[in-house]
């Protein structure tokens, strides 16, 4: 018996805010990254489904884990990743960490403080970057800046979707102590426009997210693979742009997404500066990547 896939959203890697195994990445690495993404997408769709009850969601996540670990073949979305892990001698731990986060999404819908949110990101975001680094054979010394980058991306998404998450799933990732400190109420997230108190809270969260980007910007010069260096530079640039936009707009009233033209400009500039840095061996050029793509 196979898992019913009617719960799936239909979203693909092309619908994400940030590049997923883009053509910048060397072709030999794209298959495992895409397999990992599609496994994660299936788990995310189950955890975020608006009408499935918690037991059904947890059953789908269990089926994904059982198939990943070779205990069954019931979850088709886990089979390509299992094959890639076996073919390349990679650990399943990063995928298992993701499943832990998605189970948490089913059972936990509030975060008391920033520390709780970062602990969630340890399982929901950091494994993604670590897997990509492992696929490329990069040293674990690259994990810390990757963790910072992936955490920033995750919280950017939380702020972008804070209204939708609350209305559709009764899920709030904005730390409750931050909301209380600013005099905001969770119910404010249901409005079409943020209250002044909620807006101040969101901008505080965005500023703290921006504080992760200096460490994240250390990732491109640390990775040995040129293409991965370019890809991560692009992602840092896109993250910085979104932090700037979220710091100036109300995500409830004015959905914050990059235009195709702006994303293309950031991509081209980050790629050119990163390639120049590799060619000249000058770390100063990486400083330009950090400072100039915003």
Protein backbone atom coordinates (compact mmCIF):
# COMPACT_ATOMS: atom_id res chain seq x y z
CA UNK A 1 0.00 0.00 0.00
CA UNK A 2 1.37 3.40 -0.94
CA UNK A 3 0.82 6.77 0.71
CA UNK A 4 -2.06 8.77 -0.76
CA UNK A 5 -0.55 11.87 -2.41
CA UNK A 6 -3.77 13.90 -2.60
CA UNK A 7 -2.45 16.05 0.26
CA UNK A 8 0.39 17.47 -1.86
CA UNK A 9 0.36 21.18 -2.71
CA UNK A 10 1.84 20.91 -6.18
CA UNK A 11 4.59 23.40 -5.32
CA UNK A 12 8.01 22.75 -6.82
CA UNK A 13 11.52 24.09 -6.48
CA UNK A 14 10.56 26.79 -9.01
CA UNK A 15 8.04 28.27 -6.55
CA UNK A 16 10.51 28.98 -3.76
CA UNK A 17 11.84 32.42 -2.79
CA UNK A 18 15.45 31.26 -3.09
CA UNK A 19 17.29 29.13 -5.65
CA UNK A 20 17.02 25.38 -5.21
CA UNK A 21 19.67 23.43 -7.15
CA UNK A 22 19.72 26.16 -9.79
CA UNK A 23 21.71 25.77 -12.99
CA UNK A 24 24.57 27.51 -11.22
CA UNK A 25 25.15 24.27 -9.29
CA UNK A 26 27.23 21.67 -11.15
CA UNK A 27 24.96 19.10 -12.79
CA UNK A 28 26.50 16.17 -10.89
CA UNK A 29 25.18 17.61 -7.62
CA UNK A 30 21.69 18.59 -8.74
CA UNK A 31 20.03 15.16 -8.50
CA UNK A 32 20.65 14.59 -4.78
CA UNK A 33 19.75 18.20 -3.92
CA UNK A 34 16.50 17.97 -5.86
CA UNK A 35 15.73 14.59 -4.26
CA UNK A 36 16.27 16.15 -0.84
CA UNK A 37 14.10 19.14 -1.73
CA UNK A 38 11.24 16.95 -3.00
CA UNK A 39 11.39 14.79 0.11
CA UNK A 40 11.23 17.95 2.24
CA UNK A 41 8.42 19.38 0.10
CA UNK A 42 6.31 16.24 0.62
CA UNK A 43 6.86 16.43 4.37
CA UNK A 44 6.11 20.16 4.44
CA UNK A 45 2.91 19.69 2.44
CA UNK A 46 1.71 17.08 4.94
CA UNK A 47 2.55 19.16 8.01
CA UNK A 48 0.97 22.31 6.55
CA UNK A 49 -2.17 20.76 5.12
CA UNK A 50 -5.19 22.70 6.33
CA UNK A 51 -7.68 19.82 6.57
CA UNK A 52 -5.67 16.73 7.49
CA UNK A 53 -5.93 15.87 11.16
CA UNK A 54 -2.72 15.57 13.21
CA UNK A 55 -2.74 11.77 13.23
CA UNK A 56 -2.93 11.65 9.43
CA UNK A 57 -0.09 14.15 9.13
CA UNK A 58 2.10 12.17 11.51
CA UNK A 59 1.31 8.96 9.62
CA UNK A 60 2.55 10.49 6.36
CA UNK A 61 5.73 11.70 8.07
CA UNK A 62 6.25 8.22 9.53
CA UNK A 63 5.84 6.68 6.08
CA UNK A 64 8.43 9.07 4.66
CA UNK A 65 10.87 8.08 7.41
CA UNK A 66 10.23 4.35 6.99
CA UNK A 67 10.82 4.56 3.25
CA UNK A 68 13.90 6.73 3.65
CA UNK A 69 15.42 4.17 6.02
CA UNK A 70 14.47 1.19 3.86
CA UNK A 71 11.83 -0.20 6.18
CA UNK A 72 9.15 0.13 3.49
CA UNK A 73 8.57 1.52 0.00
CA UNK A 74 5.21 3.18 0.71
CA UNK A 75 6.24 6.85 0.34
CA UNK A 76 7.31 7.44 -3.25
CA UNK A 77 8.74 10.88 -2.43
CA UNK A 78 11.40 9.29 -0.23
CA UNK A 79 12.63 6.71 -2.75
CA UNK A 80 14.83 9.01 -4.90
CA UNK A 81 16.52 10.45 -1.82
CA UNK A 82 17.13 6.98 -0.38
CA UNK A 83 18.73 5.94 -3.66
CA UNK A 84 20.93 9.06 -3.79
CA UNK A 85 22.08 8.60 -0.20
CA UNK A 86 23.02 5.00 -0.90
CA UNK A 87 24.74 5.83 -4.18
CA UNK A 88 26.85 8.58 -2.64
CA UNK A 89 27.42 7.13 0.81
CA UNK A 90 25.68 10.03 2.54
CA UNK A 91 23.98 10.01 5.92
CA UNK A 92 20.20 10.18 6.32
CA UNK A 93 20.57 12.35 9.44
CA UNK A 94 19.84 15.69 7.77
CA UNK A 95 16.59 14.34 6.32
CA UNK A 96 15.65 12.84 9.69
CA UNK A 97 16.28 16.20 11.34
CA UNK A 98 13.85 17.79 8.90
CA UNK A 99 11.21 15.22 9.77
CA UNK A 100 11.66 16.14 13.43
CA UNK A 101 10.87 19.76 12.56
CA UNK A 102 7.80 18.82 10.53
CA UNK A 103 6.50 16.67 13.39
CA UNK A 104 7.00 19.69 15.62
CA UNK A 105 4.92 21.75 13.18
CA UNK A 106 2.07 19.30 13.72
CA UNK A 107 2.23 19.41 17.52
CA UNK A 108 3.53 22.90 18.40
CA UNK A 109 2.03 26.17 17.17
CA UNK A 110 3.61 28.84 19.39
CA UNK A 111 7.21 29.86 20.20
CA UNK A 112 7.85 31.51 23.52
CA UNK A 113 11.08 33.29 22.62
CA UNK A 114 13.91 33.66 20.14
CA UNK A 115 15.82 30.72 21.61
CA UNK A 116 12.88 28.39 20.95
CA UNK A 117 12.62 29.67 17.40
CA UNK A 118 16.34 29.12 16.77
CA UNK A 119 16.06 25.60 18.19
CA UNK A 120 13.27 24.95 15.70
CA UNK A 121 15.47 26.28 12.89
CA UNK A 122 18.18 23.84 14.00
CA UNK A 123 15.94 21.11 12.60
CA UNK A 124 13.82 22.92 10.01
CA UNK A 125 16.47 24.99 8.22
CA UNK A 126 20.06 24.16 9.12
CA UNK A 127 19.93 20.55 7.79
CA UNK A 128 19.17 21.87 4.29
CA UNK A 129 22.42 23.78 4.00
CA UNK A 130 24.40 21.04 5.71
CA UNK A 131 23.10 18.49 3.21
CA UNK A 132 24.08 20.65 0.24
CA UNK A 133 27.55 21.09 1.73
CA UNK A 134 27.88 17.34 2.32
CA UNK A 135 26.85 16.61 -1.27
CA UNK A 136 29.66 18.90 -2.43
CA UNK A 137 32.17 17.27 -0.08
CA UNK A 138 32.71 20.51 1.83
CA UNK A 139 34.29 20.61 5.29
CA UNK A 140 32.12 20.87 8.39
CA UNK A 141 33.91 24.16 9.05
CA UNK A 142 31.40 25.61 6.59
CA UNK A 143 28.43 24.59 8.71
CA UNK A 144 28.36 27.63 11.03
CA UNK A 145 27.90 30.28 8.29
CA UNK A 146 25.55 27.94 6.46
CA UNK A 147 23.48 27.54 9.63
CA UNK A 148 23.28 31.33 9.96
CA UNK A 149 22.18 31.71 6.33
CA UNK A 150 19.58 28.95 6.45
CA UNK A 151 18.17 30.27 9.74
CA UNK A 152 17.86 33.75 8.25
CA UNK A 153 16.04 32.35 5.22
CA UNK A 154 13.66 30.42 7.44
CA UNK A 155 12.77 33.41 9.62
CA UNK A 156 12.37 35.63 6.54
CA UNK A 157 9.75 33.15 5.34
CA UNK A 158 8.09 33.16 8.77
CA UNK A 159 7.73 36.94 8.70
CA UNK A 160 6.57 36.98 5.07
CA UNK A 161 3.88 34.39 5.84
CA UNK A 162 3.01 35.37 9.42
CA UNK A 163 -0.57 36.35 8.58
CA UNK A 164 -1.27 33.31 6.44
CA UNK A 165 0.27 30.90 8.96
CA UNK A 166 -1.96 32.27 11.69
CA UNK A 167 -5.17 32.44 9.68
CA UNK A 168 -4.81 29.04 7.98
CA UNK A 169 -2.96 26.95 10.55
CA UNK A 170 -3.20 28.85 13.86
CA UNK A 171 0.60 28.73 13.83
CA UNK A 172 2.73 31.61 15.11
CA UNK A 173 6.50 31.64 14.72
CA UNK A 174 6.89 35.24 15.91
CA UNK A 175 8.28 34.91 19.48
CA UNK A 176 5.54 35.55 22.01
CA UNK A 177 7.81 37.44 24.37
CA UNK A 178 8.66 39.89 21.57
CA UNK A 179 4.97 40.39 20.90
CA UNK A 180 4.29 41.01 24.58
CA UNK A 181 7.20 43.42 24.88
CA UNK A 182 5.78 45.53 22.06
CA UNK A 183 2.20 45.29 23.31
CA UNK A 184 1.08 43.24 20.30
CA UNK A 185 -1.48 40.45 20.40
CA UNK A 186 -1.49 37.22 18.41
CA UNK A 187 -4.95 38.14 17.09
CA UNK A 188 -3.35 41.13 15.34
CA UNK A 189 -1.97 38.66 12.80
CA UNK A 190 -5.48 38.12 11.43
CA UNK A 191 -5.79 41.76 10.34
CA UNK A 192 -5.30 43.04 6.81
CA UNK A 193 -2.82 45.58 8.17
CA UNK A 194 -0.45 45.33 11.14
CA UNK A 195 -1.20 47.30 14.25
CA UNK A 196 1.59 49.72 15.21
CA UNK A 197 2.53 47.35 18.02
CA UNK A 198 2.72 44.30 15.75
CA UNK A 199 4.65 46.19 13.09
CA UNK A 200 7.23 47.26 15.68
CA UNK A 201 7.52 43.65 16.82
CA UNK A 202 7.95 42.31 13.28
CA UNK A 203 10.61 44.89 12.50
CA UNK A 204 12.47 43.90 15.65
CA UNK A 205 12.42 40.25 14.54
CA UNK A 206 13.57 41.27 11.05
CA UNK A 207 16.45 43.32 12.50
CA UNK A 208 17.56 40.35 14.57
CA UNK A 209 17.37 38.19 11.46
CA UNK A 210 19.56 40.70 9.63
CA UNK A 211 22.13 40.29 12.39
CA UNK A 212 22.66 36.72 11.12
CA UNK A 213 23.77 37.87 7.68
CA UNK A 214 27.34 38.99 8.49
CA UNK A 215 28.14 35.44 9.59
CA UNK A 216 26.14 34.00 6.68
CA UNK A 217 28.21 36.09 4.25
CA UNK A 218 31.30 34.17 5.34
CA UNK A 219 29.96 31.06 3.59
CA UNK A 220 30.79 31.90 -0.07
CA UNK A 221 34.54 32.40 0.51
CA UNK A 222 34.76 29.31 2.71
CA UNK A 223 33.35 26.77 0.28
CA UNK A 224 35.86 25.28 -2.10
CA UNK A 225 33.46 24.68 -5.01
CA UNK A 226 33.30 27.75 -7.27
CA UNK A 227 29.73 27.16 -8.38
CA UNK A 228 28.55 26.67 -4.83
CA UNK A 229 30.37 29.85 -3.88
CA UNK A 230 28.42 31.72 -6.55
CA UNK A 231 25.11 30.14 -5.53
CA UNK A 232 25.57 30.98 -1.86
CA UNK A 233 26.62 34.55 -2.70
CA UNK A 234 23.42 34.96 -4.66
CA UNK A 235 21.35 33.62 -1.76
CA UNK A 236 23.06 35.95 0.72
CA UNK A 237 22.28 38.88 -1.58
CA UNK A 238 18.64 37.88 -1.95
CA UNK A 239 18.30 37.42 1.81
CA UNK A 240 19.77 40.85 2.47
CA UNK A 241 17.35 42.44 0.01
CA UNK A 242 14.35 40.75 1.62
CA UNK A 243 15.48 41.80 5.10
CA UNK A 244 15.67 45.39 3.86
CA UNK A 245 12.19 45.18 2.33
CA UNK A 246 10.65 43.54 5.39
CA UNK A 247 12.20 46.24 7.54
CA UNK A 248 10.39 48.91 5.53
CA UNK A 249 7.03 47.31 4.70
CA UNK A 250 4.06 45.73 6.45
CA UNK A 251 3.93 42.02 5.47
CA UNK A 252 0.21 41.85 6.27
CA UNK A 253 -0.73 44.73 3.99
CA UNK A 254 1.96 44.50 1.35
CA UNK A 255 3.26 40.98 0.61
CA UNK A 256 7.03 41.16 0.32
CA UNK A 257 8.52 39.34 -2.64
CA UNK A 258 11.34 40.26 -4.99
CA UNK A 259 10.51 41.24 -8.54
CA UNK A 260 12.09 39.11 -11.22
CA UNK A 261 14.10 42.11 -12.43
CA UNK A 262 15.49 42.86 -8.97
CA UNK A 263 16.30 39.21 -8.29
CA UNK A 264 18.10 38.98 -11.64
CA UNK A 265 20.13 42.11 -10.86
CA UNK A 266 21.18 40.77 -7.45
CA UNK A 267 22.03 37.39 -8.96
CA UNK A 268 24.18 38.85 -11.70
CA UNK A 269 26.03 41.21 -9.41
CA UNK A 270 26.69 38.60 -6.72
CA UNK A 271 27.87 36.09 -9.30
CA UNK A 272 30.24 38.56 -10.96
CA UNK A 273 31.76 39.69 -7.67
CA UNK A 274 32.22 36.13 -6.45
CA UNK A 275 33.92 35.01 -9.64
CA UNK A 276 36.17 38.06 -9.47
CA UNK A 277 37.07 37.22 -5.89
CA UNK A 278 38.02 33.67 -6.86
CA UNK A 279 40.04 34.90 -9.81
CA UNK A 280 42.00 37.48 -7.84
CA UNK A 281 42.13 35.70 -4.51
CA UNK A 282 41.16 38.94 -2.82
CA UNK A 283 38.83 38.54 0.14
CA UNK A 284 38.10 42.26 -0.17
CA UNK A 285 35.99 41.45 -3.17
CA UNK A 286 33.80 39.28 -0.94
CA UNK A 287 33.29 42.33 1.22
CA UNK A 288 31.84 43.93 -1.90
CA UNK A 289 29.46 40.98 -2.23
CA UNK A 290 28.27 41.59 1.32
CA UNK A 291 27.99 45.35 1.04
CA UNK A 292 27.06 46.00 -2.57
CA UNK A 293 24.29 43.54 -3.40
CA UNK A 294 21.82 45.12 -0.99
